[in-house]
Amino acid sequence: MANAALPPAPGTPRLRHVFLLLAIVVAADLVSMWILVLVLPGASEAVRELANGILLAAIAAPIFWFFVLRPMHRRALDDRARTENALRAAEAAEAQFRTIVETAQEGIWVVGPDGKTTYVSARMAEMLGHTPRGMLGRSFFDFMDEDGRAIARQMHGEAGIGLLGRHDVRFRRSNGADLWAVVTANILPGDGARPGGVLAMLTDITDRKGAEAEDQRLSQAFNEAADCVIVTDADGIILWVNDAFVRVTGYAKAEALGKTPRILKSEVQEADFYADLWRTIRSGEVYRGMLVNRRRNGEHYFIDQTITPIRNDAGRITHYVAAGREIAVGVMPQAEEAMG
């Protein structure tokens, strides 16, 4: 931001001050000459004393101006310049702050000591589908549904002025849709012990909440599935298993996490079989086949297995998801022959 032009420093006397000083000196000389020539020769003693006083005043006036009034005048000019500079700096800072506020991606919301909105940024109003003017004089709770208000009141701040600290809060947009936001609120200073209100910064996390809800639904669906489900990282370390895995293998979830699927490895398949399996999934292809695994108690079981590689946005494999259904002995004679 370009700096505002400042007034010239009043460090040196202006030309008009010099002319004024010369005018005073010339006037004093003229008055003195007039008194000496025209008044003093025939004047009384009182008149002569008055003339002497006028003469002294005429001589002292420029001296008084130069050594007393002029420094005072210069100090006044300096004070005025400093005041003007401070005002310009304050105006520049305010303009810069307003630019930051109005261009920030976070919503900014200020409420007074009575809990009523005194300021919202354009971004904040946009997030809720309102106008800044339409939000003034209203509280946080006016933009929540009943469930949101009930949760918010449990986190309510001091003196009823708002939510203090950092919370995930659900608001209601003007079109009825949910707005999830991380609210970070702090008390503004006021007069004496009474707070001046609350300043809140709001970050829209609606998409994140939606993704979390979807992940929770998927997790619940996987957990309740009849098939065994295992999630590993790219190195095959087990990150998650469902309840069916526990039921079929006999391993508790805590026992499986951090291990690899080798804990299920039987001696029925040879090393080439597993090498081919890993070669398939590491190339990004889905593996489908029947495996003979071993439960925690050492008992073998058949499983119809599907292993799917999961890629990130860059195309790199980050996880594997293995889903399999146990096959009962006797259903597939060839499986029994494989077990000998």
Protein backbone atom coordinates (compact mmCIF):
# COMPACT_ATOMS: atom_id res chain seq x y z
CA MET A 1 0.00 0.00 0.00
CA ALA A 2 1.47 3.35 -1.03
CA ASN A 3 2.29 5.70 1.79
CA ALA A 4 0.14 8.84 1.99
CA ALA A 5 1.93 12.14 1.31
CA LEU A 6 2.94 13.87 4.51
CA PRO A 7 2.99 17.64 5.14
CA PRO A 8 6.36 19.44 4.97
CA ALA A 9 8.27 19.48 8.24
CA PRO A 10 8.03 22.88 9.88
CA GLY A 11 11.68 22.86 10.95
CA THR A 12 12.64 26.19 9.25
CA PRO A 13 10.76 29.52 9.43
CA ARG A 14 8.53 30.19 6.47
CA LEU A 15 9.24 33.24 4.26
CA ARG A 16 6.17 35.05 5.54
CA HIS A 17 7.54 34.82 9.08
CA VAL A 18 10.74 36.55 7.97
CA PHE A 19 8.74 39.34 6.29
CA LEU A 20 6.61 39.68 9.39
CA LEU A 21 9.70 40.05 11.55
CA LEU A 22 11.15 42.69 9.20
CA ALA A 23 7.85 44.55 9.16
CA ILE A 24 7.77 44.64 12.96
CA VAL A 25 11.34 45.93 13.11
CA VAL A 26 10.69 48.62 10.47
CA ALA A 27 7.46 49.65 12.17
CA ALA A 28 9.23 49.90 15.49
CA ASP A 29 11.93 52.06 13.96
CA LEU A 30 9.38 54.38 12.35
CA VAL A 31 7.46 54.72 15.60
CA SER A 32 10.69 55.43 17.47
CA MET A 33 11.82 58.05 14.96
CA TRP A 34 8.38 59.68 15.05
CA ILE A 35 8.44 59.85 18.83
CA LEU A 36 11.99 61.15 19.01
CA VAL A 37 11.57 63.76 16.30
CA LEU A 38 8.04 64.95 16.80
CA VAL A 39 7.16 64.22 20.41
CA LEU A 40 10.19 64.32 22.64
CA PRO A 41 11.59 67.85 21.99
CA GLY A 42 8.64 69.69 23.57
CA ALA A 43 6.99 66.95 25.55
CA SER A 44 6.48 66.70 29.24
CA GLU A 45 8.26 64.20 31.45
CA ALA A 46 5.25 61.86 31.45
CA VAL A 47 5.08 61.92 27.68
CA ARG A 48 8.77 61.24 27.43
CA GLU A 49 8.45 58.21 29.79
CA LEU A 50 5.55 56.93 27.72
CA ALA A 51 7.61 57.34 24.55
CA ASN A 52 10.53 55.51 26.14
CA GLY A 53 8.17 52.68 27.06
CA ILE A 54 6.85 52.51 23.52
CA LEU A 55 10.39 52.50 22.22
CA LEU A 56 11.38 49.64 24.54
CA ALA A 57 8.26 47.72 23.56
CA ALA A 58 8.99 48.20 19.89
CA ILE A 59 12.52 46.88 20.41
CA ALA A 60 11.42 44.03 22.69
CA ALA A 61 8.55 42.85 20.49
CA PRO A 62 10.72 41.34 17.73
CA ILE A 63 13.01 39.79 20.33
CA PHE A 64 9.99 38.29 22.18
CA TRP A 65 8.57 36.99 18.92
CA PHE A 66 11.83 35.40 17.79
CA PHE A 67 12.86 33.77 21.06
CA VAL A 68 9.45 32.98 22.67
CA LEU A 69 6.50 33.08 20.29
CA ARG A 70 8.29 31.57 17.29
CA PRO A 71 9.52 28.43 19.18
CA MET A 72 6.02 28.00 20.60
CA HIS A 73 4.59 28.33 17.12
CA ARG A 74 7.05 25.78 15.76
CA ARG A 75 6.20 23.31 18.54
CA ALA A 76 2.52 23.74 17.73
CA LEU A 77 3.23 23.05 14.06
CA ASP A 78 5.27 19.97 15.01
CA ASP A 79 2.46 18.68 17.24
CA ARG A 80 -0.09 19.22 14.49
CA ALA A 81 2.13 17.42 11.96
CA ARG A 82 2.58 14.47 14.33
CA THR A 83 -1.18 14.35 14.93
CA GLU A 84 -1.89 14.43 11.21
CA ASN A 85 0.71 11.71 10.59
CA ALA A 86 -0.80 9.55 13.34
CA LEU A 87 -4.29 10.02 11.87
CA ARG A 88 -3.05 9.12 8.41
CA ALA A 89 -1.27 6.03 9.79
CA ALA A 90 -4.43 5.00 11.67
CA GLU A 91 -6.52 5.45 8.53
CA ALA A 92 -4.02 3.43 6.48
CA ALA A 93 -3.98 0.67 9.13
CA GLU A 94 -7.78 0.62 9.23
CA ALA A 95 -7.98 0.42 5.44
CA GLN A 96 -5.42 -2.40 5.41
CA PHE A 97 -7.26 -4.28 8.19
CA ARG A 98 -10.58 -3.89 6.38
CA THR A 99 -9.02 -5.21 3.16
CA ILE A 100 -7.69 -8.26 5.03
CA VAL A 101 -11.04 -8.84 6.71
CA GLU A 102 -13.08 -8.50 3.55
CA THR A 103 -10.80 -10.78 1.48
CA ALA A 104 -10.25 -13.49 4.13
CA GLN A 105 -11.68 -16.93 3.38
CA GLU A 106 -12.73 -17.27 7.01
CA GLY A 107 -15.90 -15.60 8.18
CA ILE A 108 -15.51 -12.89 10.82
CA TRP A 109 -18.35 -12.33 13.28
CA VAL A 110 -18.47 -9.79 16.12
CA VAL A 111 -21.17 -9.72 18.79
CA GLY A 112 -21.62 -7.17 21.54
CA PRO A 113 -21.96 -7.75 25.30
CA ASP A 114 -25.69 -8.39 24.80
CA GLY A 115 -24.97 -11.26 22.37
CA LYS A 116 -26.26 -9.32 19.36
CA THR A 117 -24.30 -9.10 16.12
CA THR A 118 -22.50 -5.80 15.61
CA TYR A 119 -20.40 -6.77 12.58
CA VAL A 120 -20.06 -9.61 10.06
CA SER A 121 -17.72 -9.77 7.11
CA ALA A 122 -19.03 -10.24 3.60
CA ARG A 123 -17.56 -13.76 3.58
CA MET A 124 -19.40 -14.63 6.80
CA ALA A 125 -22.71 -13.45 5.40
CA GLU A 126 -22.06 -15.34 2.16
CA MET A 127 -21.38 -18.57 4.07
CA LEU A 128 -24.83 -18.34 5.66
CA GLY A 129 -26.61 -17.05 2.57
CA HIS A 130 -27.50 -13.69 4.15
CA THR A 131 -26.39 -10.09 3.76
CA PRO A 132 -24.23 -8.38 6.38
CA ARG A 133 -26.97 -5.82 7.06
CA GLY A 134 -29.55 -8.58 7.50
CA MET A 135 -27.44 -10.24 10.22
CA LEU A 136 -26.90 -7.14 12.36
CA GLY A 137 -28.71 -7.17 15.69
CA ARG A 138 -29.17 -10.96 15.66
CA SER A 139 -27.44 -13.61 17.78
CA PHE A 140 -25.52 -16.79 16.94
CA PHE A 141 -28.57 -18.84 17.88
CA ASP A 142 -30.75 -17.17 15.24
CA PHE A 143 -28.75 -19.03 12.61
CA MET A 144 -29.08 -22.54 14.12
CA ASP A 145 -31.84 -25.12 14.24
CA GLU A 146 -33.15 -26.47 17.55
CA ASP A 147 -30.61 -29.28 17.70
CA GLY A 148 -27.77 -26.89 16.93
CA ARG A 149 -28.94 -24.45 19.59
CA ALA A 150 -29.15 -27.21 22.17
CA ILE A 151 -25.57 -28.29 21.47
CA ALA A 152 -24.32 -24.69 21.34
CA ARG A 153 -25.86 -23.83 24.69
CA GLN A 154 -23.82 -26.60 26.28
CA MET A 155 -20.69 -24.78 25.08
CA HIS A 156 -22.08 -21.31 25.81
CA GLY A 157 -19.65 -18.66 26.92
CA GLU A 158 -19.64 -16.09 29.67
CA ALA A 159 -22.54 -13.75 30.36
CA GLY A 160 -24.49 -15.14 27.42
CA ILE A 161 -22.32 -13.41 24.83
CA GLY A 162 -21.45 -16.42 22.72
CA LEU A 163 -19.32 -19.48 22.14
CA LEU A 164 -15.84 -19.15 23.56
CA GLY A 165 -12.84 -21.29 22.65
CA ARG A 166 -12.76 -23.56 19.62
CA HIS A 167 -15.73 -25.69 18.63
CA ASP A 168 -17.29 -27.44 15.66
CA VAL A 169 -20.71 -25.80 15.33
CA ARG A 170 -23.59 -26.52 12.97
CA PHE A 171 -25.42 -23.49 11.58
CA ARG A 172 -28.41 -23.31 9.27
CA ARG A 173 -28.09 -21.49 5.94
CA SER A 174 -30.88 -19.31 4.60
CA ASN A 175 -31.87 -22.09 2.16
CA GLY A 176 -32.19 -24.60 5.01
CA ALA A 177 -28.92 -26.43 4.31
CA ASP A 178 -26.40 -27.16 7.06
CA LEU A 179 -23.23 -25.13 7.49
CA TRP A 180 -20.60 -26.79 9.65
CA ALA A 181 -17.90 -24.41 10.84
CA VAL A 182 -14.95 -24.41 13.19
CA VAL A 183 -15.67 -21.45 15.47
CA THR A 184 -12.73 -19.85 17.27
CA ALA A 185 -14.01 -17.14 19.60
CA ASN A 186 -12.33 -14.77 22.05
CA ILE A 187 -13.56 -12.01 24.35
CA LEU A 188 -12.99 -8.45 23.22
CA PRO A 189 -11.78 -5.95 25.84
CA GLY A 190 -14.41 -3.61 27.22
CA ASP A 191 -14.80 -0.95 29.88
CA GLY A 192 -13.52 -2.16 33.22
CA ALA A 193 -14.49 -5.70 34.12
CA ARG A 194 -17.33 -5.88 31.59
CA PRO A 195 -16.31 -7.59 28.31
CA GLY A 196 -16.72 -5.67 25.10
CA GLY A 197 -18.17 -8.62 23.22
CA VAL A 198 -16.82 -11.57 21.26
CA LEU A 199 -14.77 -11.82 18.09
CA ALA A 200 -15.29 -15.13 16.26
CA MET A 201 -13.46 -16.58 13.26
CA LEU A 202 -15.41 -19.24 11.34
CA THR A 203 -13.95 -21.75 8.88
CA ASP A 204 -16.34 -23.69 6.65
CA ILE A 205 -15.85 -27.45 7.22
CA THR A 206 -19.13 -28.61 5.69
CA ASP A 207 -17.36 -30.71 3.05
CA ARG A 208 -15.11 -32.28 5.68
CA LYS A 209 -18.08 -33.12 7.89
CA GLY A 210 -19.84 -34.65 4.91
CA ALA A 211 -16.79 -36.77 4.14
CA GLU A 212 -16.53 -37.83 7.79
CA ALA A 213 -20.19 -38.79 7.82
CA GLU A 214 -19.72 -40.78 4.62
CA ASP A 215 -16.65 -42.50 6.07
CA GLN A 216 -18.65 -43.33 9.19
CA ARG A 217 -21.45 -44.81 7.12
CA LEU A 218 -18.99 -46.86 5.08
CA SER A 219 -17.19 -47.98 8.21
CA GLN A 220 -20.47 -49.05 9.76
CA ALA A 221 -21.48 -50.85 6.58
CA PHE A 222 -18.13 -52.65 6.38
CA ASN A 223 -18.20 -53.46 10.08
CA GLU A 224 -21.66 -54.98 9.84
CA ALA A 225 -20.92 -56.87 6.61
CA ALA A 226 -20.94 -60.64 6.65
CA ASP A 227 -17.67 -60.78 4.68
CA CYS A 228 -14.28 -60.40 6.32
CA VAL A 229 -12.83 -56.95 5.52
CA ILE A 230 -9.21 -55.94 6.05
CA VAL A 231 -7.72 -52.50 5.26
CA THR A 232 -3.93 -52.23 5.01
CA ASP A 233 -1.49 -49.52 4.01
CA ALA A 234 0.69 -49.80 0.91
CA ASP A 235 3.16 -52.00 2.81
CA GLY A 236 0.47 -54.41 3.91
CA ILE A 237 0.27 -53.26 7.54
CA ILE A 238 -3.24 -53.88 8.86
CA LEU A 239 -5.01 -50.62 9.75
CA TRP A 240 -8.58 -51.79 10.22
CA VAL A 241 -10.62 -54.99 10.39
CA ASN A 242 -14.34 -55.58 10.82
CA ASP A 243 -16.28 -57.76 13.24
CA ALA A 244 -16.60 -60.57 10.69
CA PHE A 245 -12.80 -60.81 10.58
CA VAL A 246 -12.73 -61.30 14.34
CA ARG A 247 -15.47 -63.93 14.17
CA VAL A 248 -13.89 -65.93 11.32
CA THR A 249 -10.17 -65.72 12.23
CA GLY A 250 -10.38 -65.69 16.00
CA TYR A 251 -8.01 -62.70 16.21
CA ALA A 252 -9.16 -59.71 18.24
CA LYS A 253 -8.95 -56.36 16.48
CA ALA A 254 -6.14 -55.22 18.78
CA GLU A 255 -4.16 -58.36 17.93
CA ALA A 256 -4.49 -57.79 14.17
CA LEU A 257 -3.80 -54.05 13.98
CA GLY A 258 -0.19 -53.28 13.15
CA LYS A 259 0.43 -56.80 11.89
CA THR A 260 0.31 -58.06 8.28
CA PRO A 261 -2.03 -60.64 6.71
CA ARG A 262 0.83 -63.13 7.16
CA ILE A 263 -0.74 -63.98 10.51
CA LEU A 264 -3.39 -65.79 8.44
CA LYS A 265 -0.92 -67.54 6.15
CA SER A 266 -1.22 -71.32 5.93
CA GLU A 267 1.33 -73.71 4.47
CA VAL A 268 -1.08 -74.90 1.77
CA GLN A 269 -0.18 -72.22 -0.85
CA GLU A 270 3.41 -72.06 -1.97
CA ALA A 271 5.63 -68.96 -2.12
CA ASP A 272 4.99 -68.51 -5.87
CA PHE A 273 1.27 -68.19 -5.17
CA TYR A 274 1.78 -65.23 -2.81
CA ALA A 275 4.37 -63.66 -5.11
CA ASP A 276 1.85 -63.70 -7.96
CA LEU A 277 -0.83 -62.22 -5.65
CA TRP A 278 1.40 -59.29 -4.64
CA ARG A 279 2.57 -58.75 -8.22
CA THR A 280 -1.06 -58.42 -9.27
CA ILE A 281 -2.19 -55.91 -6.66
CA ARG A 282 1.01 -53.85 -6.75
CA SER A 283 0.45 -53.35 -10.47
CA GLY A 284 -2.90 -51.78 -9.58
CA GLU A 285 -5.06 -54.72 -10.65
CA VAL A 286 -7.73 -56.35 -8.52
CA TYR A 287 -6.94 -59.87 -7.28
CA ARG A 288 -9.71 -62.46 -7.10
CA GLY A 289 -9.18 -66.03 -5.97
CA MET A 290 -9.64 -68.66 -3.30
CA LEU A 291 -7.20 -68.86 -0.41
CA VAL A 292 -6.65 -71.32 2.37
CA ASN A 293 -6.00 -69.33 5.55
CA ARG A 294 -5.34 -70.30 9.14
CA ARG A 295 -7.33 -69.20 12.16
CA ARG A 296 -5.73 -68.12 15.42
CA ASN A 297 -6.24 -71.61 16.84
CA GLY A 298 -4.38 -73.14 13.87
CA GLU A 299 -7.46 -74.44 12.08
CA HIS A 300 -7.56 -73.96 8.30
CA TYR A 301 -10.48 -72.39 6.45
CA PHE A 302 -11.33 -71.48 2.86
CA ILE A 303 -12.08 -67.90 1.80
CA ASP A 304 -13.18 -66.46 -1.52
CA GLN A 305 -10.96 -63.36 -1.54
CA THR A 306 -10.98 -60.06 -3.44
CA ILE A 307 -8.12 -57.57 -2.89
CA THR A 308 -8.56 -54.06 -4.33
CA PRO A 309 -5.75 -51.45 -4.55
CA ILE A 310 -6.76 -47.89 -3.51
CA ARG A 311 -5.02 -44.98 -5.26
CA ASN A 312 -4.66 -41.33 -4.25
CA ASP A 313 -5.18 -38.33 -6.56
CA ALA A 314 -1.63 -38.70 -7.86
CA GLY A 315 -2.31 -42.30 -8.88
CA ARG A 316 -0.08 -43.82 -6.18
CA ILE A 317 -1.37 -46.88 -4.33
CA THR A 318 -1.88 -45.97 -0.68
CA HIS A 319 -4.08 -48.79 0.68
CA TYR A 320 -5.42 -52.24 -0.03
CA VAL A 321 -8.91 -53.44 0.86
CA ALA A 322 -9.37 -57.19 1.14
CA ALA A 323 -12.90 -58.60 1.35
CA GLY A 324 -13.58 -62.32 1.55
CA ARG A 325 -16.35 -64.77 2.35
CA GLU A 326 -15.64 -67.99 4.16
CA ILE A 327 -16.49 -71.13 2.20
CA ALA A 328 -17.77 -74.05 4.24
CA VAL A 329 -15.89 -77.34 3.91
CA GLY A 330 -17.84 -79.71 1.73
CA VAL A 331 -19.20 -77.01 -0.55
CA MET A 332 -16.19 -77.19 -2.87
CA PRO A 333 -14.65 -80.67 -3.22
CA GLN A 334 -11.60 -79.25 -4.96
CA ALA A 335 -10.90 -77.17 -1.87
CA GLU A 336 -10.96 -80.25 0.28
CA GLU A 337 -8.52 -81.94 -2.09
CA ALA A 338 -6.24 -78.89 -1.84
CA MET A 339 -6.16 -79.32 1.90
CA GLY A 340 -5.36 -83.01 1.54
